[in-house]
Amino acid sequence: MITKHIKIKTGFIRMDQFLKFAGVAETGGHAKQLIKEGIVLFNGEVCTQRGKKLYPGDEVTVEDYRLLVD
């Protein structure tokens, strides 16, 4: 599993924006598809909300990527 620390410059970021920003999703539509398929985990649980707010300290897992919000 590949672990990446992703630094955000705002107080929070939405899940779909985060997946694009981290380079896991190529487009917003691709991010929406990943979330809809149920392969995105937010702090260890399946996340189906593309507008889910992420804050520093949160963890997102997508396939072989573990993304830590900094």
PDB file of N, CA and C in Angstrom:
ATOM      1  N   MET A   1       0.843  -1.185   0.000  1.00  0.00           N
ATOM      2  CA  MET A   1       0.000   0.000   0.000  1.00  0.00           C
ATOM      3  C   MET A   1       0.885   1.244   0.000  1.00  0.00           C
ATOM      4  N   ILE A   2       0.509   2.207  -0.805  1.00  0.00           N
ATOM      5  CA  ILE A   2       1.256   3.455  -0.927  1.00  0.00           C
ATOM      6  C   ILE A   2       0.610   4.498  -0.024  1.00  0.00           C
ATOM      7  N   THR A   3       1.397   5.071   0.890  1.00  0.00           N
ATOM      8  CA  THR A   3       0.901   6.107   1.786  1.00  0.00           C
ATOM      9  C   THR A   3       1.387   7.464   1.305  1.00  0.00           C
ATOM     10  N   LYS A   4       0.443   8.411   1.191  1.00  0.00           N
ATOM     11  CA  LYS A   4       0.773   9.777   0.777  1.00  0.00           C
ATOM     12  C   LYS A   4       0.189  10.753   1.786  1.00  0.00           C
ATOM     13  N   HIS A   5       0.966  11.768   2.130  1.00  0.00           N
ATOM     14  CA  HIS A   5       0.479  12.863   2.958  1.00  0.00           C
ATOM     15  C   HIS A   5       0.079  13.983   2.012  1.00  0.00           C
ATOM     16  N   ILE A   6      -1.164  14.408   2.079  1.00  0.00           N
ATOM     17  CA  ILE A   6      -1.682  15.443   1.200  1.00  0.00           C
ATOM     18  C   ILE A   6      -1.995  16.675   2.040  1.00  0.00           C
ATOM     19  N   LYS A   7      -1.240  17.745   1.800  1.00  0.00           N
ATOM     20  CA  LYS A   7      -1.428  18.975   2.566  1.00  0.00           C
ATOM     21  C   LYS A   7      -2.472  19.848   1.885  1.00  0.00           C
ATOM     22  N   ILE A   8      -3.475  20.249   2.660  1.00  0.00           N
ATOM     23  CA  ILE A   8      -4.495  21.160   2.134  1.00  0.00           C
ATOM     24  C   ILE A   8      -4.255  22.548   2.731  1.00  0.00           C
ATOM     25  N   LYS A   9      -4.633  23.577   1.985  1.00  0.00           N
ATOM     26  CA  LYS A   9      -4.380  24.951   2.426  1.00  0.00           C
ATOM     27  C   LYS A   9      -5.613  25.609   3.031  1.00  0.00           C
ATOM     28  N   THR A  10      -6.734  24.870   3.037  1.00  0.00           N
ATOM     29  CA  THR A  10      -7.974  25.397   3.593  1.00  0.00           C
ATOM     30  C   THR A  10      -8.338  24.598   4.842  1.00  0.00           C
ATOM     31  N   GLY A  11      -9.372  24.997   5.530  1.00  0.00           N
ATOM     32  CA  GLY A  11      -9.791  24.299   6.746  1.00  0.00           C
ATOM     33  C   GLY A  11     -10.313  22.902   6.469  1.00  0.00           C
ATOM     34  N   PHE A  12     -10.933  22.719   5.290  1.00  0.00           N
ATOM     35  CA  PHE A  12     -11.441  21.418   4.895  1.00  0.00           C
ATOM     36  C   PHE A  12     -11.458  21.339   3.377  1.00  0.00           C
ATOM     37  N   ILE A  13     -11.687  20.124   2.860  1.00  0.00           N
ATOM     38  CA  ILE A  13     -11.814  19.901   1.427  1.00  0.00           C
ATOM     39  C   ILE A  13     -12.862  18.808   1.233  1.00  0.00           C
ATOM     40  N   ARG A  14     -13.661  18.934   0.170  1.00  0.00           N
ATOM     41  CA  ARG A  14     -14.672  17.913  -0.101  1.00  0.00           C
ATOM     42  C   ARG A  14     -14.012  16.665  -0.692  1.00  0.00           C
ATOM     43  N   MET A  15     -14.634  15.515  -0.445  1.00  0.00           N
ATOM     44  CA  MET A  15     -14.079  14.227  -0.857  1.00  0.00           C
ATOM     45  C   MET A  15     -13.761  14.183  -2.350  1.00  0.00           C
ATOM     46  N   ASP A  16     -14.708  14.595  -3.223  1.00  0.00           N
ATOM     47  CA  ASP A  16     -14.461  14.521  -4.658  1.00  0.00           C
ATOM     48  C   ASP A  16     -13.299  15.419  -5.076  1.00  0.00           C
ATOM     49  N   GLN A  17     -13.206  16.609  -4.484  1.00  0.00           N
ATOM     50  CA  GLN A  17     -12.093  17.511  -4.781  1.00  0.00           C
ATOM     51  C   GLN A  17     -10.774  16.925  -4.291  1.00  0.00           C
ATOM     52  N   PHE A  18     -10.816  16.291  -3.128  1.00  0.00           N
ATOM     53  CA  PHE A  18      -9.614  15.706  -2.550  1.00  0.00           C
ATOM     54  C   PHE A  18      -9.060  14.587  -3.426  1.00  0.00           C
ATOM     55  N   LEU A  19      -9.939  13.738  -3.937  1.00  0.00           N
ATOM     56  CA  LEU A  19      -9.484  12.631  -4.787  1.00  0.00           C
ATOM     57  C   LEU A  19      -8.802  13.152  -6.046  1.00  0.00           C
ATOM     58  N   LYS A  20      -9.319  14.232  -6.616  1.00  0.00           N
ATOM     59  CA  LYS A  20      -8.674  14.846  -7.781  1.00  0.00           C
ATOM     60  C   LYS A  20      -7.348  15.485  -7.376  1.00  0.00           C
ATOM     61  N   PHE A  21      -7.349  16.241  -6.280  1.00  0.00           N
ATOM     62  CA  PHE A  21      -6.161  16.940  -5.795  1.00  0.00           C
ATOM     63  C   PHE A  21      -5.029  15.969  -5.478  1.00  0.00           C
ATOM     64  N   ALA A  22      -5.378  14.810  -4.924  1.00  0.00           N
ATOM     65  CA  ALA A  22      -4.379  13.806  -4.549  1.00  0.00           C
ATOM     66  C   ALA A  22      -3.887  13.001  -5.753  1.00  0.00           C
ATOM     67  N   GLY A  23      -4.575  13.139  -6.897  1.00  0.00           N
ATOM     68  CA  GLY A  23      -4.157  12.430  -8.104  1.00  0.00           C
ATOM     69  C   GLY A  23      -4.712  11.026  -8.239  1.00  0.00           C
ATOM     70  N   VAL A  24      -5.660  10.666  -7.399  1.00  0.00           N
ATOM     71  CA  VAL A  24      -6.268   9.336  -7.462  1.00  0.00           C
ATOM     72  C   VAL A  24      -7.331   9.296  -8.554  1.00  0.00           C
ATOM     73  N   ALA A  25      -8.057  10.405  -8.716  1.00  0.00           N
ATOM     74  CA  ALA A  25      -9.087  10.506  -9.755  1.00  0.00           C
ATOM     75  C   ALA A  25      -8.625  11.510 -10.805  1.00  0.00           C
ATOM     76  N   GLU A  26      -8.866  11.183 -12.068  1.00  0.00           N
ATOM     77  CA  GLU A  26      -8.445  12.053 -13.153  1.00  0.00           C
ATOM     78  C   GLU A  26      -9.379  13.243 -13.333  1.00  0.00           C
ATOM     79  N   THR A  27     -10.673  13.033 -13.084  1.00  0.00           N
ATOM     80  CA  THR A  27     -11.680  14.077 -13.256  1.00  0.00           C
ATOM     81  C   THR A  27     -12.682  14.009 -12.114  1.00  0.00           C
ATOM     82  N   GLY A  28     -13.556  15.014 -12.074  1.00  0.00           N
ATOM     83  CA  GLY A  28     -14.619  14.987 -11.079  1.00  0.00           C
ATOM     84  C   GLY A  28     -15.561  13.816 -11.287  1.00  0.00           C
ATOM     85  N   GLY A  29     -15.818  13.486 -12.551  1.00  0.00           N
ATOM     86  CA  GLY A  29     -16.672  12.345 -12.866  1.00  0.00           C
ATOM     87  C   GLY A  29     -16.055  11.038 -12.419  1.00  0.00           C
ATOM     88  N   HIS A  30     -14.731  10.936 -12.582  1.00  0.00           N
ATOM     89  CA  HIS A  30     -14.023   9.734 -12.140  1.00  0.00           C
ATOM     90  C   HIS A  30     -14.095   9.615 -10.612  1.00  0.00           C
ATOM     91  N   ALA A  31     -13.930  10.742  -9.913  1.00  0.00           N
ATOM     92  CA  ALA A  31     -14.029  10.744  -8.446  1.00  0.00           C
ATOM     93  C   ALA A  31     -15.417  10.298  -8.015  1.00  0.00           C
ATOM     94  N   LYS A  32     -16.445  10.817  -8.680  1.00  0.00           N
ATOM     95  CA  LYS A  32     -17.827  10.455  -8.362  1.00  0.00           C
ATOM     96  C   LYS A  32     -18.047   8.957  -8.557  1.00  0.00           C
ATOM     97  N   GLN A  33     -17.478   8.404  -9.622  1.00  0.00           N
ATOM     98  CA  GLN A  33     -17.617   6.977  -9.908  1.00  0.00           C
ATOM     99  C   GLN A  33     -16.944   6.130  -8.829  1.00  0.00           C
ATOM    100  N   LEU A  34     -15.743   6.505  -8.419  1.00  0.00           N
ATOM    101  CA  LEU A  34     -15.035   5.764  -7.368  1.00  0.00           C
ATOM    102  C   LEU A  34     -15.849   5.741  -6.077  1.00  0.00           C
ATOM    103  N   ILE A  35     -16.422   6.896  -5.736  1.00  0.00           N
ATOM    104  CA  ILE A  35     -17.215   7.001  -4.510  1.00  0.00           C
ATOM    105  C   ILE A  35     -18.482   6.158  -4.632  1.00  0.00           C
ATOM    106  N   LYS A  36     -19.146   6.257  -5.781  1.00  0.00           N
ATOM    107  CA  LYS A  36     -20.390   5.515  -6.002  1.00  0.00           C
ATOM    108  C   LYS A  36     -20.177   3.999  -5.945  1.00  0.00           C
ATOM    109  N   GLU A  37     -19.020   3.529  -6.425  1.00  0.00           N
ATOM    110  CA  GLU A  37     -18.711   2.097  -6.422  1.00  0.00           C
ATOM    111  C   GLU A  37     -18.407   1.560  -5.021  1.00  0.00           C
ATOM    112  N   GLY A  38     -18.233   2.453  -4.052  1.00  0.00           N
ATOM    113  CA  GLY A  38     -17.997   2.023  -2.677  1.00  0.00           C
ATOM    114  C   GLY A  38     -16.583   1.573  -2.390  1.00  0.00           C
ATOM    115  N   ILE A  39     -15.620   2.017  -3.199  1.00  0.00           N
ATOM    116  CA  ILE A  39     -14.234   1.603  -2.950  1.00  0.00           C
ATOM    117  C   ILE A  39     -13.430   2.673  -2.220  1.00  0.00           C
ATOM    118  N   VAL A  40     -14.099   3.768  -1.846  1.00  0.00           N
ATOM    119  CA  VAL A  40     -13.437   4.835  -1.095  1.00  0.00           C
ATOM    120  C   VAL A  40     -13.770   4.657   0.383  1.00  0.00           C
ATOM    121  N   LEU A  41     -12.736   4.541   1.193  1.00  0.00           N
ATOM    122  CA  LEU A  41     -12.913   4.423   2.639  1.00  0.00           C
ATOM    123  C   LEU A  41     -12.514   5.729   3.305  1.00  0.00           C
ATOM    124  N   PHE A  42     -13.352   6.195   4.215  1.00  0.00           N
ATOM    125  CA  PHE A  42     -13.077   7.397   5.000  1.00  0.00           C
ATOM    126  C   PHE A  42     -12.895   6.964   6.445  1.00  0.00           C
ATOM    127  N   ASN A  43     -11.696   7.137   6.965  1.00  0.00           N
ATOM    128  CA  ASN A  43     -11.371   6.709   8.332  1.00  0.00           C
ATOM    129  C   ASN A  43     -11.814   5.269   8.589  1.00  0.00           C
ATOM    130  N   GLY A  44     -11.587   4.401   7.583  1.00  0.00           N
ATOM    131  CA  GLY A  44     -11.841   2.976   7.727  1.00  0.00           C
ATOM    132  C   GLY A  44     -13.235   2.498   7.366  1.00  0.00           C
ATOM    133  N   GLU A  45     -14.141   3.418   7.019  1.00  0.00           N
ATOM    134  CA  GLU A  45     -15.508   3.029   6.665  1.00  0.00           C
ATOM    135  C   GLU A  45     -15.843   3.493   5.254  1.00  0.00           C
ATOM    136  N   VAL A  46     -16.669   2.720   4.555  1.00  0.00           N
ATOM    137  CA  VAL A  46     -17.063   3.065   3.187  1.00  0.00           C
ATOM    138  C   VAL A  46     -17.740   4.429   3.178  1.00  0.00           C
ATOM    139  N   CYS A  47     -17.318   5.278   2.251  1.00  0.00           N
ATOM    140  CA  CYS A  47     -17.898   6.610   2.118  1.00  0.00           C
ATOM    141  C   CYS A  47     -18.617   6.708   0.777  1.00  0.00           C
ATOM    142  N   THR A  48     -19.889   7.079   0.809  1.00  0.00           N
ATOM    143  CA  THR A  48     -20.663   7.234  -0.422  1.00  0.00           C
ATOM    144  C   THR A  48     -21.086   8.687  -0.634  1.00  0.00           C
ATOM    145  N   GLN A  49     -20.518   9.597   0.126  1.00  0.00           N
ATOM    146  CA  GLN A  49     -20.838  11.020   0.017  1.00  0.00           C
ATOM    147  C   GLN A  49     -19.708  11.750  -0.687  1.00  0.00           C
ATOM    148  N   ARG A  50     -19.963  12.232  -1.900  1.00  0.00           N
ATOM    149  CA  ARG A  50     -18.887  12.933  -2.603  1.00  0.00           C
ATOM    150  C   ARG A  50     -18.611  14.300  -1.993  1.00  0.00           C
ATOM    151  N   GLY A  51     -19.574  14.852  -1.263  1.00  0.00           N
ATOM    152  CA  GLY A  51     -19.397  16.144  -0.614  1.00  0.00           C
ATOM    153  C   GLY A  51     -18.896  16.052   0.816  1.00  0.00           C
ATOM    154  N   LYS A  52     -18.514  14.856   1.252  1.00  0.00           N
ATOM    155  CA  LYS A  52     -18.015  14.642   2.619  1.00  0.00           C
ATOM    156  C   LYS A  52     -16.844  15.588   2.883  1.00  0.00           C
ATOM    157  N   LYS A  53     -16.898  16.307   3.988  1.00  0.00           N
ATOM    158  CA  LYS A  53     -15.832  17.242   4.320  1.00  0.00           C
ATOM    159  C   LYS A  53     -14.689  16.502   5.014  1.00  0.00           C
ATOM    160  N   LEU A  54     -13.493  16.733   4.519  1.00  0.00           N
ATOM    161  CA  LEU A  54     -12.284  16.137   5.096  1.00  0.00           C
ATOM    162  C   LEU A  54     -11.482  17.227   5.793  1.00  0.00           C
ATOM    163  N   TYR A  55     -10.950  16.891   6.942  1.00  0.00           N
ATOM    164  CA  TYR A  55     -10.157  17.816   7.737  1.00  0.00           C
ATOM    165  C   TYR A  55      -8.785  17.197   7.997  1.00  0.00           C
ATOM    166  N   PRO A  56      -7.783  18.029   8.319  1.00  0.00           N
ATOM    167  CA  PRO A  56      -6.479  17.470   8.677  1.00  0.00           C
ATOM    168  C   PRO A  56      -6.630  16.405   9.754  1.00  0.00           C
ATOM    169  N   GLY A  57      -5.947  15.291   9.560  1.00  0.00           N
ATOM    170  CA  GLY A  57      -6.027  14.159  10.479  1.00  0.00           C
ATOM    171  C   GLY A  57      -6.890  13.032   9.949  1.00  0.00           C
ATOM    172  N   ASP A  58      -7.719  13.319   8.929  1.00  0.00           N
ATOM    173  CA  ASP A  58      -8.558  12.276   8.331  1.00  0.00           C
ATOM    174  C   ASP A  58      -7.720  11.389   7.411  1.00  0.00           C
ATOM    175  N   GLU A  59      -8.220  10.181   7.184  1.00  0.00           N
ATOM    176  CA  GLU A  59      -7.545   9.204   6.325  1.00  0.00           C
ATOM    177  C   GLU A  59      -8.525   8.695   5.275  1.00  0.00           C
ATOM    178  N   VAL A  60      -8.061   8.662   4.033  1.00  0.00           N
ATOM    179  CA  VAL A  60      -8.857   8.147   2.917  1.00  0.00           C
ATOM    180  C   VAL A  60      -8.082   7.005   2.276  1.00  0.00           C
ATOM    181  N   THR A  61      -8.760   5.886   2.039  1.00  0.00           N
ATOM    182  CA  THR A  61      -8.136   4.740   1.386  1.00  0.00           C
ATOM    183  C   THR A  61      -8.903   4.437   0.106  1.00  0.00           C
ATOM    184  N   VAL A  62      -8.151   4.340  -0.996  1.00  0.00           N
ATOM    185  CA  VAL A  62      -8.727   3.993  -2.300  1.00  0.00           C
ATOM    186  C   VAL A  62      -7.796   2.968  -2.930  1.00  0.00           C
ATOM    187  N   GLU A  63      -8.297   1.757  -3.089  1.00  0.00           N
ATOM    188  CA  GLU A  63      -7.525   0.647  -3.644  1.00  0.00           C
ATOM    189  C   GLU A  63      -6.188   0.534  -2.920  1.00  0.00           C
ATOM    190  N   ASP A  64      -5.059   0.786  -3.593  1.00  0.00           N
ATOM    191  CA  ASP A  64      -3.745   0.624  -2.969  1.00  0.00           C
ATOM    192  C   ASP A  64      -3.172   1.922  -2.395  1.00  0.00           C
ATOM    193  N   TYR A  65      -4.008   2.956  -2.269  1.00  0.00           N
ATOM    194  CA  TYR A  65      -3.539   4.239  -1.773  1.00  0.00           C
ATOM    195  C   TYR A  65      -4.130   4.550  -0.396  1.00  0.00           C
ATOM    196  N   ARG A  66      -3.260   4.950   0.496  1.00  0.00           N
ATOM    197  CA  ARG A  66      -3.669   5.438   1.810  1.00  0.00           C
ATOM    198  C   ARG A  66      -3.279   6.909   1.834  1.00  0.00           C
ATOM    199  N   LEU A  67      -4.282   7.776   1.883  1.00  0.00           N
ATOM    200  CA  LEU A  67      -4.068   9.210   1.796  1.00  0.00           C
ATOM    201  C   LEU A  67      -4.376   9.862   3.133  1.00  0.00           C
ATOM    202  N   LEU A  68      -3.398  10.557   3.667  1.00  0.00           N
ATOM    203  CA  LEU A  68      -3.560  11.223   4.952  1.00  0.00           C
ATOM    204  C   LEU A  68      -3.683  12.720   4.715  1.00  0.00           C
ATOM    205  N   VAL A  69      -4.734  13.311   5.239  1.00  0.00           N
ATOM    206  CA  VAL A  69      -4.969  14.741   5.082  1.00  0.00           C
ATOM    207  C   VAL A  69      -4.140  15.484   6.101  1.00  0.00           C
ATOM    208  N   ASP A  70      -3.284  16.371   5.620  1.00  0.00           N
ATOM    209  CA  ASP A  70      -2.429  17.196   6.497  1.00  0.00           C
ATOM    210  C   ASP A  70      -2.821  18.653   6.379  1.00  0.00           C
TER     211      ASP A  70
END
